[in-house]
Amino acid sequence: MEVFAEYGHAVASLVIFTLVVLFLSPFSALAKQGKGLAPGATPDQDYSDKAYRLNRAYLNGTETLPAYLTVTVAAILMGVSPFWVNLLASVALLARLMMLVVHMRGIGKPHSGLRSVLYVVGWACMFVMGLMALVAAF
């Protein structure tokens, strides 16, 4: 479909982010199982606990994916400039991947710091894409 070819980076970013979330799922489950937790249970809120951080990284991904998918697809369908959609979707993906590394390694504090900055960068990219899609719709 040639009409979507110009949005290749944005589409690839959606697929990559989805694959990362899918990849994290069994590792989160195994980490919780290793702590003797029942399926669906959440580890105690202890940022020094790797199982907790892995579970939070996975849950952060599952919480963010619907919004990321929605605004990116909406921007593509509304014909927003491929340059901006590709750039914003790619920056959002990079911010999420960097946030994942920071989260998994326990870098910084539980509240604020680099992880929060990366969250805001990704959030801002998604927010701008959403606004651009709305403007293009009307």
Protein backbone atom coordinates (compact mmCIF):
# COMPACT_ATOMS: atom_id res chain seq x y z
CA MET A 1 0.00 0.00 0.00
CA GLU A 2 1.89 2.94 -1.33
CA VAL A 3 -0.20 5.48 0.56
CA PHE A 4 1.30 4.30 3.86
CA ALA A 5 4.85 3.78 2.57
CA GLU A 6 5.85 7.33 3.56
CA TYR A 7 5.00 6.48 7.17
CA GLY A 8 7.38 3.53 7.32
CA HIS A 9 9.28 4.70 10.40
CA ALA A 10 6.07 5.38 12.32
CA VAL A 11 4.61 1.98 11.41
CA ALA A 12 7.88 0.26 12.31
CA SER A 13 7.93 2.09 15.65
CA LEU A 14 4.46 0.73 16.45
CA VAL A 15 5.54 -2.80 15.64
CA ILE A 16 8.78 -2.49 17.61
CA PHE A 17 7.03 -1.10 20.68
CA THR A 18 4.41 -3.85 20.53
CA LEU A 19 7.11 -6.52 20.20
CA VAL A 20 8.99 -5.07 23.18
CA VAL A 21 5.85 -5.23 25.33
CA LEU A 22 5.17 -8.79 24.17
CA PHE A 23 8.80 -9.72 24.87
CA LEU A 24 8.58 -8.34 28.44
CA SER A 25 5.42 -10.25 29.29
CA PRO A 26 6.87 -13.72 29.95
CA PHE A 27 9.88 -12.30 31.77
CA SER A 28 7.61 -10.33 34.07
CA ALA A 29 5.56 -13.47 34.70
CA LEU A 30 8.68 -15.54 35.41
CA ALA A 31 10.06 -12.94 37.80
CA LYS A 32 6.78 -12.87 39.71
CA GLN A 33 6.62 -16.66 39.74
CA GLY A 34 10.16 -16.73 41.13
CA LYS A 35 8.90 -14.66 44.05
CA GLY A 36 6.07 -17.14 44.63
CA LEU A 37 3.38 -14.73 43.44
CA ALA A 38 0.14 -15.94 41.89
CA PRO A 39 -0.61 -15.05 38.24
CA GLY A 40 -1.84 -11.46 38.09
CA ALA A 41 -0.32 -10.56 41.46
CA THR A 42 1.93 -7.55 41.78
CA PRO A 43 5.28 -7.56 43.59
CA ASP A 44 5.62 -5.29 46.61
CA GLN A 45 6.38 -1.69 45.69
CA ASP A 46 10.12 -1.85 46.26
CA TYR A 47 12.16 -0.09 43.58
CA SER A 48 15.26 -2.03 44.64
CA ASP A 49 13.47 -5.30 43.70
CA LYS A 50 14.22 -6.36 40.10
CA ALA A 51 10.93 -8.27 39.83
CA TYR A 52 9.02 -5.12 40.80
CA ARG A 53 10.91 -2.98 38.27
CA LEU A 54 10.43 -5.58 35.51
CA ASN A 55 6.72 -5.81 36.26
CA ARG A 56 6.38 -2.00 36.28
CA ALA A 57 8.29 -1.73 32.99
CA TYR A 58 5.93 -4.27 31.44
CA LEU A 59 2.83 -2.58 32.88
CA ASN A 60 4.07 0.87 31.77
CA GLY A 61 4.33 -0.53 28.25
CA THR A 62 0.85 -2.05 28.29
CA GLU A 63 -0.56 1.20 29.68
CA THR A 64 1.12 3.39 27.07
CA LEU A 65 0.71 1.20 23.98
CA PRO A 66 -3.00 1.98 23.34
CA ALA A 67 -2.45 5.76 23.38
CA TYR A 68 0.72 5.44 21.28
CA LEU A 69 -1.05 3.25 18.75
CA THR A 70 -4.14 5.45 18.62
CA VAL A 71 -2.45 8.80 18.03
CA THR A 72 0.07 7.37 15.56
CA VAL A 73 -2.54 5.55 13.47
CA ALA A 74 -4.88 8.56 13.63
CA ALA A 75 -2.10 10.86 12.42
CA ILE A 76 -1.32 8.49 9.56
CA LEU A 77 -4.98 8.08 8.57
CA MET A 78 -5.55 11.85 8.67
CA GLY A 79 -2.57 12.41 6.38
CA VAL A 80 -0.46 14.42 8.84
CA SER A 81 2.97 15.24 7.42
CA PRO A 82 4.94 11.98 7.18
CA PHE A 83 8.06 13.83 8.35
CA TRP A 84 6.42 14.85 11.64
CA VAL A 85 4.61 11.57 12.24
CA ASN A 86 7.78 9.55 11.58
CA LEU A 87 9.87 11.89 13.75
CA LEU A 88 7.45 12.05 16.67
CA ALA A 89 6.69 8.32 16.62
CA SER A 90 10.40 7.49 16.45
CA VAL A 91 11.33 9.88 19.26
CA ALA A 92 8.48 8.49 21.39
CA LEU A 93 9.76 4.97 20.75
CA LEU A 94 13.35 5.90 21.61
CA ALA A 95 12.20 7.62 24.80
CA ARG A 96 10.22 4.51 25.78
CA LEU A 97 13.15 2.19 25.05
CA MET A 98 15.54 4.39 27.03
CA MET A 99 12.98 4.57 29.84
CA LEU A 100 12.80 0.79 29.82
CA VAL A 101 16.58 0.52 30.26
CA VAL A 102 16.56 3.10 33.05
CA HIS A 103 13.68 1.28 34.73
CA MET A 104 15.21 -2.18 34.41
CA ARG A 105 18.61 -1.09 35.71
CA GLY A 106 17.11 0.83 38.60
CA ILE A 107 18.82 4.05 37.56
CA GLY A 108 17.73 7.09 39.53
CA LYS A 109 14.94 7.45 42.03
CA PRO A 110 11.49 5.86 41.97
CA HIS A 111 9.90 9.32 41.61
CA SER A 112 11.50 11.87 39.29
CA GLY A 113 14.82 11.85 37.54
CA LEU A 114 15.78 10.55 34.12
CA ARG A 115 12.91 8.06 33.89
CA SER A 116 10.40 10.87 34.45
CA VAL A 117 12.09 13.07 31.84
CA LEU A 118 11.94 10.24 29.30
CA TYR A 119 8.28 9.63 30.15
CA VAL A 120 7.47 13.30 29.51
CA VAL A 121 9.36 13.28 26.19
CA GLY A 122 7.37 10.26 24.97
CA TRP A 123 4.12 11.70 26.32
CA ALA A 124 4.77 15.04 24.60
CA CYS A 125 5.43 13.34 21.26
CA MET A 126 2.17 11.41 21.53
CA PHE A 127 0.25 14.51 22.62
CA VAL A 128 1.55 16.54 19.67
CA MET A 129 0.71 13.74 17.23
CA GLY A 130 -2.78 13.60 18.68
CA LEU A 131 -3.23 17.34 18.27
CA MET A 132 -1.92 17.19 14.70
CA ALA A 133 -4.38 14.41 13.89
CA LEU A 134 -7.25 16.45 15.34
CA VAL A 135 -6.26 19.55 13.38
CA ALA A 136 -6.02 17.48 10.19
CA ALA A 137 -9.47 16.00 10.87
CA PHE A 138 -11.17 19.38 10.79
